[in-house]
Amino acid sequence: MRQAEQDAPKPMSGFAGFLRRDLDAVTAGLTLPWSSGAVEGHVNRVKMLKRAMYGRASFELLRTRILTQP
């Protein structure tokens, strides 16, 4: 990271500086066994349903589809 902050182009050095400022969170994200994959899958599903139903159905129907489908 030190080399990237000193020698790399500006976007890369900025990214390295950001990683250094939040190094504890970066380390935890790369080493802890937890994953947010299941949550991301549900968010993706809800977004897909919203796009498919945009302008075609009421909020209540959208809510019902989101809550009833696996």
C-alpha atoms as a PDB file:
ATOM      1  CA  MET A   1       0.000   0.000   0.000  1.00  0.00           C
ATOM      2  CA  ARG A   2       2.846   2.356   0.778  1.00  0.00           C
ATOM      3  CA  GLN A   3       4.294   1.906  -2.714  1.00  0.00           C
ATOM      4  CA  ALA A   4       0.886   2.434  -4.319  1.00  0.00           C
ATOM      5  CA  GLU A   5       0.359   5.627  -2.317  1.00  0.00           C
ATOM      6  CA  GLN A   6       3.739   6.990  -3.419  1.00  0.00           C
ATOM      7  CA  ASP A   7       4.318   5.739  -6.972  1.00  0.00           C
ATOM      8  CA  ALA A   8       0.972   4.773  -8.510  1.00  0.00           C
ATOM      9  CA  PRO A   9      -1.294   6.996 -10.603  1.00  0.00           C
ATOM     10  CA  LYS A  10      -3.639   9.252  -8.640  1.00  0.00           C
ATOM     11  CA  PRO A  11      -6.731   6.969  -8.711  1.00  0.00           C
ATOM     12  CA  MET A  12      -4.708   4.002  -7.429  1.00  0.00           C
ATOM     13  CA  SER A  13      -2.940   6.036  -4.753  1.00  0.00           C
ATOM     14  CA  GLY A  14      -6.291   7.413  -3.584  1.00  0.00           C
ATOM     15  CA  PHE A  15      -7.694   3.892  -3.344  1.00  0.00           C
ATOM     16  CA  ALA A  16      -4.657   2.722  -1.362  1.00  0.00           C
ATOM     17  CA  GLY A  17      -5.062   5.674   1.015  1.00  0.00           C
ATOM     18  CA  PHE A  18      -8.727   4.803   1.509  1.00  0.00           C
ATOM     19  CA  LEU A  19      -7.803   1.182   2.314  1.00  0.00           C
ATOM     20  CA  ARG A  20      -5.192   2.350   4.820  1.00  0.00           C
ATOM     21  CA  ARG A  21      -7.707   4.610   6.610  1.00  0.00           C
ATOM     22  CA  ASP A  22     -10.115   1.698   7.057  1.00  0.00           C
ATOM     23  CA  LEU A  23      -7.572  -1.109   7.366  1.00  0.00           C
ATOM     24  CA  ASP A  24      -9.360  -2.835  10.276  1.00  0.00           C
ATOM     25  CA  ALA A  25     -12.568  -3.207   8.259  1.00  0.00           C
ATOM     26  CA  VAL A  26     -10.682  -4.387   5.167  1.00  0.00           C
ATOM     27  CA  THR A  27      -8.787  -6.988   7.190  1.00  0.00           C
ATOM     28  CA  ALA A  28     -11.986  -8.193   8.859  1.00  0.00           C
ATOM     29  CA  GLY A  29     -13.783  -8.451   5.521  1.00  0.00           C
ATOM     30  CA  LEU A  30     -11.026 -10.588   4.061  1.00  0.00           C
ATOM     31  CA  THR A  31     -10.404 -12.855   7.039  1.00  0.00           C
ATOM     32  CA  LEU A  32     -13.703 -13.437   8.876  1.00  0.00           C
ATOM     33  CA  PRO A  33     -15.890 -16.388   7.817  1.00  0.00           C
ATOM     34  CA  TRP A  34     -19.155 -14.421   7.495  1.00  0.00           C
ATOM     35  CA  SER A  35     -20.691 -13.673   4.117  1.00  0.00           C
ATOM     36  CA  SER A  36     -23.489 -11.374   2.961  1.00  0.00           C
ATOM     37  CA  GLY A  37     -24.146 -13.518  -0.117  1.00  0.00           C
ATOM     38  CA  ALA A  38     -27.631 -14.609   0.952  1.00  0.00           C
ATOM     39  CA  VAL A  39     -28.721 -11.042   1.646  1.00  0.00           C
ATOM     40  CA  GLU A  40     -27.311  -9.857  -1.682  1.00  0.00           C
ATOM     41  CA  GLY A  41     -29.288 -12.604  -3.430  1.00  0.00           C
ATOM     42  CA  HIS A  42     -32.534 -11.423  -1.860  1.00  0.00           C
ATOM     43  CA  VAL A  43     -31.799  -7.798  -2.745  1.00  0.00           C
ATOM     44  CA  ASN A  44     -31.124  -8.837  -6.346  1.00  0.00           C
ATOM     45  CA  ARG A  45     -34.418 -10.751  -6.453  1.00  0.00           C
ATOM     46  CA  VAL A  46     -36.409  -7.785  -5.102  1.00  0.00           C
ATOM     47  CA  LYS A  47     -34.811  -5.427  -7.638  1.00  0.00           C
ATOM     48  CA  MET A  48     -35.645  -7.840 -10.451  1.00  0.00           C
ATOM     49  CA  LEU A  49     -39.280  -8.007  -9.333  1.00  0.00           C
ATOM     50  CA  LYS A  50     -39.502  -4.210  -9.092  1.00  0.00           C
ATOM     51  CA  ARG A  51     -38.098  -3.795 -12.606  1.00  0.00           C
ATOM     52  CA  ALA A  52     -40.432  -6.424 -14.041  1.00  0.00           C
ATOM     53  CA  MET A  53     -43.515  -4.880 -12.425  1.00  0.00           C
ATOM     54  CA  TYR A  54     -42.663  -1.181 -12.868  1.00  0.00           C
ATOM     55  CA  GLY A  55     -45.764   0.723 -14.012  1.00  0.00           C
ATOM     56  CA  ARG A  56     -47.823  -2.447 -14.341  1.00  0.00           C
ATOM     57  CA  ALA A  57     -49.014  -3.287 -10.861  1.00  0.00           C
ATOM     58  CA  SER A  58     -49.913  -1.749  -7.543  1.00  0.00           C
ATOM     59  CA  PHE A  59     -47.672  -1.613  -4.516  1.00  0.00           C
ATOM     60  CA  GLU A  60     -49.810  -4.240  -2.787  1.00  0.00           C
ATOM     61  CA  LEU A  61     -49.249  -6.752  -5.589  1.00  0.00           C
ATOM     62  CA  LEU A  62     -45.510  -6.073  -5.555  1.00  0.00           C
ATOM     63  CA  ARG A  63     -45.465  -6.499  -1.774  1.00  0.00           C
ATOM     64  CA  THR A  64     -47.376  -9.783  -2.044  1.00  0.00           C
ATOM     65  CA  ARG A  65     -44.981 -11.148  -4.678  1.00  0.00           C
ATOM     66  CA  ILE A  66     -41.933 -10.202  -2.633  1.00  0.00           C
ATOM     67  CA  LEU A  67     -43.268 -11.773   0.565  1.00  0.00           C
ATOM     68  CA  THR A  68     -44.680 -14.980  -0.933  1.00  0.00           C
ATOM     69  CA  GLN A  69     -42.060 -16.130  -3.413  1.00  0.00           C
ATOM     70  CA  PRO A  70     -39.120 -18.161  -2.117  1.00  0.00           C
END
